[in-house]
Protein backbone atom coordinates (compact mmCIF):
# COMPACT_ATOMS: atom_id res chain seq x y z
CA MET A 1 102.31 79.67 99.33
CA GLU A 2 106.03 80.34 98.95
CA ASN A 3 105.90 79.52 95.24
CA ILE A 4 102.97 81.89 94.78
CA GLU A 5 104.71 84.79 96.50
CA ILE A 6 107.95 84.25 94.58
CA CYS A 7 106.09 84.21 91.27
CA ARG A 8 103.93 87.21 92.18
CA ASN A 9 106.93 89.30 93.23
CA LEU A 10 108.77 88.44 90.03
CA LEU A 11 105.88 89.35 87.78
CA LEU A 12 105.14 92.61 89.58
CA LYS A 13 108.78 93.66 89.37
CA ILE A 14 108.86 92.87 85.65
CA CYS A 15 105.60 94.79 85.15
CA GLU A 16 107.09 97.77 86.96
CA CYS A 17 110.00 97.72 84.52
CA GLY A 18 107.53 97.48 81.66
CA GLN A 19 105.54 100.53 82.74
CA LYS A 20 108.74 102.53 83.03
CA ASN A 21 110.12 101.24 79.72
CA PRO A 22 107.22 100.64 77.30
CA ASN A 23 107.99 99.14 73.91
CA PRO A 24 105.45 100.52 71.43
CA PRO A 25 106.05 100.39 67.68
CA HIS A 26 107.14 103.94 66.81
CA ILE A 27 104.58 104.47 64.09
CA GLN A 28 104.15 108.21 64.54
CA ASP A 29 106.99 108.69 62.02
CA LEU A 30 105.12 106.86 59.26
CA PHE A 31 103.81 108.94 56.40
CA PRO A 32 100.19 107.67 56.53
CA PHE A 33 99.96 108.45 60.26
CA LYS A 34 101.57 111.88 60.39
CA HIS A 35 98.28 113.53 61.43
CA TYR A 36 97.24 110.80 63.86
CA PHE A 37 99.62 111.87 66.64
CA ASN A 38 100.02 115.13 68.54
CA SER A 39 103.24 117.11 68.99
CA GLU A 40 104.14 115.00 72.06
CA GLY A 41 103.96 111.82 69.98
CA ASN A 42 100.72 110.59 71.56
CA LEU A 43 97.92 109.07 69.50
CA ILE A 44 94.93 111.43 69.32
CA GLN A 45 92.33 109.05 70.75
CA GLU A 46 89.32 111.29 70.24
CA LYS A 47 89.92 111.31 66.47
CA LEU A 48 90.20 107.57 65.91
CA SER A 49 86.73 107.49 64.35
CA GLU A 50 87.52 110.27 61.86
CA ILE A 51 87.46 109.22 58.20
CA ASP A 52 90.74 108.97 56.29
CA GLY A 53 89.88 108.17 52.69
CA LEU A 54 87.24 105.43 52.85
CA TRP A 55 88.15 104.20 56.33
CA THR A 56 88.52 105.48 59.87
CA ARG A 57 91.87 106.20 61.41
CA ARG A 58 91.26 103.26 63.74
CA GLU A 59 90.83 100.94 60.76
CA ILE A 60 94.02 102.10 59.03
CA LEU A 61 96.05 101.77 62.24
CA THR A 62 94.61 98.31 62.84
CA ARG A 63 95.56 97.22 59.33
CA PHE A 64 99.11 98.38 59.88
CA LEU A 65 99.46 96.65 63.25
CA PHE A 66 97.96 93.50 61.73
CA LEU A 67 100.76 93.55 59.16
CA GLN A 68 103.41 94.45 61.71
CA ALA A 69 102.45 91.54 63.97
CA VAL A 70 103.23 89.16 61.12
CA LEU A 71 106.53 90.82 60.25
CA ASP A 72 107.62 91.32 63.88
CA GLN A 73 108.55 87.63 64.22
CA GLY A 74 112.04 87.90 62.72
CA PRO A 75 115.52 87.74 64.26
CA ASP A 76 116.14 91.47 64.75
CA ILE A 77 113.11 93.42 65.94
CA VAL A 78 114.86 96.79 65.62
CA GLY A 79 115.80 96.05 62.02
CA ILE A 80 112.37 94.66 61.15
CA ARG A 81 110.59 97.71 62.47
CA HIS A 82 112.93 99.94 60.49
CA LEU A 83 112.24 97.87 57.38
CA LEU A 84 108.48 98.14 57.78
CA LYS A 85 108.67 101.87 58.45
CA ASP A 86 111.00 102.59 55.53
CA VAL A 87 109.08 100.46 53.04
CA THR A 88 105.75 101.95 54.14
CA ASN A 89 107.03 105.50 53.79
CA GLY A 90 108.68 104.69 50.46
CA LEU A 91 105.54 103.16 48.97
CA TYR A 92 103.24 105.93 50.21
CA LEU A 93 105.55 108.57 48.75
CA LYS A 94 105.14 106.73 45.44
CA GLU A 95 101.33 106.89 45.90
CA ILE A 96 101.09 103.17 46.61
CA ARG A 97 98.69 103.53 49.55
CA PHE A 98 98.51 99.84 50.43
CA LEU A 99 96.84 100.30 53.83
CA HIS A 100 94.02 102.31 52.29
CA LYS A 101 93.96 100.20 49.10
CA PRO A 102 95.51 96.77 49.73
CA LEU A 103 95.41 95.86 46.03
CA ASP A 104 97.92 98.64 45.33
CA PHE A 105 100.66 96.48 46.88
CA PHE A 106 99.97 93.75 44.30
CA ARG A 107 99.19 95.98 41.32
CA GLU A 108 102.60 97.58 41.73
CA LEU A 109 104.37 94.43 42.91
CA GLY A 110 107.58 95.29 41.09
CA ILE A 111 107.88 98.56 42.96
CA SER A 112 106.87 96.88 46.24
CA VAL A 113 109.55 94.21 45.86
CA ASP A 114 112.19 96.76 44.87
CA GLU A 115 111.39 98.85 47.94
CA ILE A 116 111.75 95.84 50.24
CA LEU A 117 115.08 94.82 48.66
CA GLN A 118 116.55 98.30 48.73
CA LYS A 119 115.47 99.11 52.27
CA HIS A 120 116.68 95.71 53.49
CA GLU A 121 120.15 96.36 52.10
CA ASN A 122 120.27 99.81 53.69
CA ILE A 123 119.29 98.43 57.09
CA LYS A 124 121.78 95.60 56.79
CA LEU A 125 124.60 98.14 56.40
CA THR A 126 123.74 99.80 59.73
CA ARG A 127 122.36 96.88 61.78
CA ALA A 128 124.31 93.74 60.80
CA GLU A 129 127.41 94.37 62.92
CA ILE A 130 125.39 95.49 65.95
CA TRP A 131 123.11 92.46 65.69
CA ALA A 132 126.09 90.10 65.27
CA THR A 133 127.81 91.48 68.37
CA GLU A 134 124.69 91.23 70.51
CA ASN A 135 123.97 87.67 69.38
CA LYS A 136 127.55 86.40 69.12
CA SER A 137 127.05 85.72 65.44
CA THR A 138 128.46 87.04 62.16
CA ALA A 139 127.22 90.04 60.20
CA GLY A 140 126.99 87.98 57.02
CA ARG A 141 124.10 86.01 58.53
CA TYR A 142 121.94 89.09 58.95
CA ASN A 143 118.62 88.58 57.17
CA LEU A 144 115.16 89.96 57.91
CA PHE A 145 113.21 87.85 55.41
CA MET A 146 112.66 85.07 58.00
CA ASP A 147 112.71 81.29 57.59
CA ASN A 148 116.38 81.63 56.54
CA SER A 149 115.13 82.63 53.10
CA THR A 150 116.87 85.13 50.84
CA GLN A 151 114.08 85.26 48.24
CA VAL A 152 112.25 88.56 48.45
CA LEU A 153 109.23 87.52 46.36
CA GLY A 154 108.11 84.79 48.76
CA TYR A 155 108.61 87.17 51.67
CA ALA A 156 106.60 89.91 49.96
CA ILE A 157 103.68 87.70 48.94
CA TYR A 158 103.51 85.52 52.05
CA ARG A 159 104.50 87.81 54.91
CA TRP A 160 103.15 91.08 53.50
CA GLY A 161 100.50 89.83 51.12
CA VAL A 162 98.54 87.54 53.44
CA PRO A 163 97.74 90.15 56.15
CA LEU A 164 97.03 92.79 53.49
CA SER A 165 94.54 90.41 51.84
CA VAL A 166 92.37 90.05 54.94
CA PRO A 167 90.83 93.57 54.97
CA TYR A 168 90.38 93.37 51.20
CA LEU A 169 88.53 90.06 51.52
CA LEU A 170 86.40 91.51 54.31
CA GLU A 171 85.50 94.46 52.08
CA LYS A 172 84.33 92.05 49.37
CA ASP A 173 82.41 89.85 51.80
CA PHE A 174 80.69 92.81 53.43
CA SER A 175 79.61 94.12 50.02
CA LYS A 176 77.99 90.75 49.22
CA ILE A 177 75.64 91.17 52.18
CA ASN A 178 75.18 94.90 51.56
CA LYS A 179 76.93 95.79 54.78
CA ILE A 180 78.50 99.23 54.70
CA SER A 181 81.36 99.74 57.13
CA THR A 182 84.22 102.20 57.49
CA GLU A 183 85.94 99.70 59.80
CA PRO A 184 85.65 96.23 58.23
CA LEU A 185 88.72 94.73 59.89
CA VAL A 186 87.83 96.27 63.26
CA ASP A 187 84.24 95.02 62.98
CA TYR A 188 85.48 91.52 62.23
CA LEU A 189 88.00 91.44 65.10
CA GLU A 190 85.56 92.77 67.69
CA ASN A 191 82.91 90.30 66.64
CA TYR A 192 84.55 87.78 68.99
CA ASP A 193 83.71 87.34 72.67
CA SER A 194 87.17 88.22 73.99
CA ALA A 195 90.54 89.55 72.93
CA GLU A 196 91.95 86.07 73.54
CA ILE A 197 89.46 84.38 71.24
CA MET A 198 90.13 87.09 68.65
CA SER A 199 93.87 86.37 68.83
CA GLN A 200 93.21 82.68 68.20
CA GLU A 201 90.92 83.40 65.25
CA VAL A 202 93.49 85.76 63.72
CA LYS A 203 95.53 82.61 63.15
CA ASP A 204 92.96 79.81 62.87
CA ASN A 205 89.78 81.16 61.27
CA GLN A 206 89.02 79.10 58.17
CA ARG A 207 88.29 82.08 55.92
CA TYR A 208 90.24 84.99 57.38
CA GLY A 209 92.92 83.28 59.48
CA LEU A 210 96.57 84.00 58.69
CA GLY A 211 97.58 80.38 59.35
CA LYS A 212 101.32 79.72 59.29
CA ALA A 213 102.02 83.33 58.37
CA ILE A 214 101.58 84.18 62.06
CA GLY A 215 102.45 82.37 65.27
CA ASP A 216 100.66 82.31 68.63
CA LYS A 217 103.14 84.80 70.02
CA ALA A 218 102.58 87.29 67.20
CA ALA A 219 98.79 86.93 67.40
CA HIS A 220 98.96 87.81 71.10
CA LEU A 221 101.34 90.66 70.33
CA PHE A 222 98.71 92.07 68.00
CA ALA A 223 96.12 91.78 70.80
CA LYS A 224 98.49 93.66 73.10
CA TRP A 225 98.93 96.52 70.63
CA TYR A 226 95.22 96.67 69.85
CA VAL A 227 93.98 96.59 73.45
CA HIS A 228 96.86 97.95 75.54
CA THR A 229 99.44 99.91 73.57
CA PHE A 230 97.22 102.02 71.31
CA SER A 231 93.80 101.50 72.96
CA LEU A 232 92.08 100.96 69.62
CA CYS A 233 89.44 98.63 71.02
CA ARG A 234 85.91 100.08 71.10
CA LYS A 235 84.58 97.46 73.51
CA LYS A 236 84.54 98.14 77.26
CA ALA A 237 83.77 94.62 78.52
CA ILE A 238 86.25 92.88 80.85
CA SER A 239 86.81 90.31 78.12
CA TRP A 240 88.50 93.07 76.11
CA ASN A 241 90.63 94.61 78.84
CA LYS A 242 94.26 94.53 80.03
CA ILE A 243 94.23 90.87 81.15
CA SER A 244 91.86 89.45 78.55
CA TYR A 245 94.54 87.93 76.30
CA GLU A 246 97.55 85.70 76.92
CA LEU A 247 101.13 86.86 77.28
CA PRO A 248 102.99 86.79 73.92
CA PHE A 249 105.11 83.76 74.83
CA ASP A 250 108.29 83.86 72.76
CA SER A 251 111.91 82.85 73.30
CA ASN A 252 112.69 86.19 74.96
CA ALA A 253 109.86 85.82 77.49
CA GLY A 254 110.70 82.16 78.06
CA ARG A 255 114.37 82.91 78.71
CA VAL A 256 113.67 85.61 81.30
CA LEU A 257 110.93 83.62 83.02
CA PHE A 258 113.15 80.54 83.16
CA ARG A 259 116.32 82.23 84.41
CA THR A 260 114.50 84.24 87.06
CA GLY A 261 112.85 81.09 88.44
CA PHE A 262 109.22 81.77 87.52
CA LEU A 263 108.88 78.67 85.37
CA THR A 264 110.70 76.38 87.78
CA ASN A 265 108.47 77.52 90.63
CA ILE A 266 105.34 76.28 88.86
CA ALA A 267 106.74 73.02 87.44
CA SER A 268 109.98 71.06 87.83
CA LEU A 269 112.88 70.72 85.43
CA LYS A 270 111.86 67.10 85.01
CA ASN A 271 108.35 68.20 84.00
CA TYR A 272 109.79 70.50 81.35
CA GLU A 273 112.06 67.74 80.07
CA ASN A 274 109.13 65.32 79.81
CA TRP A 275 107.13 67.94 77.91
CA GLU A 276 110.14 68.57 75.62
CA VAL A 277 110.13 72.20 76.68
CA ILE A 278 113.71 71.56 77.80
CA GLN A 279 115.61 69.55 75.20
CA LYS A 280 118.94 68.44 76.60
CA ASN A 281 122.07 69.36 74.63
CA ALA A 282 119.95 70.48 71.65
CA GLY A 283 120.76 74.18 71.86
CA LYS A 284 123.45 76.36 70.35
CA GLY A 285 126.90 75.18 71.42
CA GLY A 286 125.45 71.98 72.88
CA GLU A 287 123.64 73.71 75.73
CA HIS A 288 120.12 72.70 76.76
CA TYR A 289 117.46 74.18 74.50
CA ILE A 290 114.26 75.72 75.89
CA ARG A 291 111.54 75.32 73.26
CA VAL A 292 109.11 77.87 74.61
CA THR A 293 106.29 77.03 72.19
CA ASN A 294 105.95 73.60 73.83
CA ILE A 295 104.75 75.23 77.06
CA ARG A 296 101.35 75.89 75.48
CA GLY A 297 98.68 73.77 77.12
CA LYS A 298 100.95 72.41 79.87
CA LYS A 299 99.60 72.38 83.42
CA VAL A 300 100.88 74.13 86.54
CA GLN A 301 102.29 71.46 88.87
CA THR A 302 103.06 73.18 92.18
CA ILE A 303 100.02 75.40 92.79
CA SER A 304 96.56 73.99 93.43
CA ILE A 305 93.51 75.11 91.50
CA GLU A 306 91.82 75.20 94.93
CA SER A 307 94.14 77.97 96.15
CA ASP A 308 93.18 81.66 96.17
CA LEU A 309 95.22 82.05 92.99
CA GLY A 310 93.27 79.16 91.50
CA SER A 311 90.04 81.02 92.18
CA GLN A 312 91.42 84.01 90.31
CA TYR A 313 92.42 81.70 87.46
CA LYS A 314 88.91 80.23 87.21
CA GLU A 315 87.47 83.69 86.77
CA ILE A 316 90.18 84.63 84.27
CA SER A 317 89.52 81.62 82.06
CA THR A 318 85.72 81.89 82.08
CA GLN A 319 85.07 85.66 82.25
CA TYR A 320 88.16 87.40 80.86
CA LEU A 321 89.71 85.04 78.31
CA LYS A 322 86.41 83.22 77.81
CA THR A 323 88.27 80.13 76.65
CA ARG A 324 86.21 77.96 79.04
CA LYS A 325 82.49 77.79 79.71
CA ARG A 326 82.98 75.91 83.00
CA PHE A 327 85.54 76.24 85.76
CA PRO A 328 88.69 74.29 84.86
CA SER A 329 90.17 71.55 87.05
CA SER A 330 93.75 72.66 86.44
CA MET A 331 95.71 75.76 85.40
CA GLU A 332 97.61 76.23 82.14
CA ILE A 333 101.05 77.79 82.46
CA GLN A 334 100.68 80.37 79.70
CA GLN A 335 97.50 81.75 81.29
CA LEU A 336 98.83 81.89 84.85
CA PRO A 337 100.25 85.45 84.58
CA ASN A 338 96.72 86.75 83.97
CA ALA A 339 95.60 85.33 87.32
CA PHE A 340 98.55 86.90 89.14
CA LEU A 341 97.80 90.32 87.63
CA LYS A 342 94.02 90.25 88.11
CA GLU A 343 93.92 92.34 91.30
CA THR A 344 96.82 94.63 90.38
CA LYS A 345 97.19 97.86 88.43
CA TYR A 346 99.18 96.04 85.76
CA GLY A 347 98.16 94.29 82.57
CA ILE A 348 99.66 91.72 80.22
CA GLY A 349 101.00 94.58 78.10
CA ASP A 350 103.08 95.86 81.04
CA LEU A 351 104.43 92.37 81.68
CA ASP A 352 105.37 91.89 78.03
CA ASP A 353 107.03 95.31 77.84
CA GLY A 354 109.05 94.42 80.94
CA LEU A 355 110.13 91.08 79.51
CA ILE A 356 111.16 92.77 76.27
CA TYR A 357 113.11 95.45 78.14
CA ILE A 358 114.95 92.96 80.34
CA GLY A 359 115.47 90.36 77.63
CA THR A 360 116.84 92.75 75.01
CA ASN A 361 118.97 94.93 77.29
CA PHE A 362 120.29 92.56 79.98
CA CYS A 363 119.20 88.91 79.74
CA PHE A 364 120.90 88.05 76.44
CA ASN A 365 120.70 84.58 74.95
CA HIS A 366 124.28 83.63 75.76
CA ASN A 367 126.39 83.01 78.86
CA GLU A 368 127.52 86.63 79.33
CA PRO A 369 124.30 88.60 79.96
CA LYS A 370 124.44 91.92 81.84
CA CYS A 371 123.17 90.47 85.11
CA VAL A 372 124.97 92.97 87.35
CA LYS A 373 123.05 95.85 85.77
CA CYS A 374 119.71 94.03 85.45
CA PRO A 375 116.91 95.75 87.44
CA ILE A 376 115.53 92.44 88.75
CA ASN A 377 118.81 90.70 89.65
CA GLU A 378 117.99 90.77 93.38
CA ILE A 379 115.09 88.37 92.87
CA CYS A 380 116.50 86.38 89.94
CA ILE A 381 117.32 82.83 91.00
CA GLY A 382 119.71 82.44 88.07
CA PHE A 383 121.85 85.34 89.25
CA GLN A 384 121.51 84.76 92.99
CA GLU A 385 121.70 80.96 93.28
CA LYS A 386 121.64 78.88 90.12
CA GLN A 387 124.18 80.20 87.63
CA GLU A 388 123.63 77.05 85.56
CA PHE A 389 120.25 78.48 84.55
CA ILE A 390 122.23 81.12 82.67
CA SER A 391 125.27 79.15 81.52
CA ASN A 392 123.64 75.87 80.48
CA PHE A 393 120.34 76.85 78.81
CA ARG A 394 119.44 78.68 75.58
CA THR A 395 116.22 79.73 73.87
């Protein structure tokens, strides 16, 4: 019971931070969306079904967020979001309306590539030094193209081109069966039984899946934006609500959840070593490396499926996530937060916003984070008891 209460208190405190400090993509400044938001910067929900060109506003927003989820995986989220915003505005001002007409991006590939290169250089001038200071790196290493690549063409075709191709392919496939839709991407996404299944199919579907262009974390980030941040989802079922998709588990989330003691309260350090989640001396500077992606599918070790929390988990997995048809015999770590939040006012989006806020403002990935100013330091085991969780581990 003690482990359950510690974990619950941690998650609720992080969610509270998330509600106070949300982290939405600031898309109201984008040229194609200038009429979608009111003067207070809030999305006009009642007009999401209005037609903009051939498609609804909901469809155009979904296409953009689909693209942003792919691009949002890089090393500097602030810089990446600036790059996407600046390139989008630049292309639309040149009448390359790639969200409305995805083929425009490819027809004018020379202009598209030039825009990406130019805007990347501009952002590098303003962000490189800040990023280097925050990450204890050098400004010369600043690069938003991902995969340590400096070639813009591969970045443009793979990272931009793949998500832009999905709505175009859907348009073609719908026309083959004489299906007329002003929301082809939305129709496809909401065809699935839950937001969680949708997030898996975004990556894995044989025909429309983005494959290696998107990771599990980014697919769940898209689900968060679609369901929680912008409330684009038309479905009202519990399988499409605030706890119907997994937490976007990335290095930032893993670092905060490890240092605060959440992860070590549901499994031991030895468990994580055996699973190769913790890889000794494999991190930057010879510290222990936490490979967060290896947590996927691993089982909770210290809390029984027969507990009250386990009962909540059973319902989560079968009715909300719909990843199981029968009650499971054990709990998976990455789905445990959903069970903790089931009877609360918070959702996975609040938890993720809180983890982003804490991880990017206080819990830095080095041995000098701003623990004294952190809003959850009173319940963080790394700050209160086990300083080695901060000094000896990296994500």
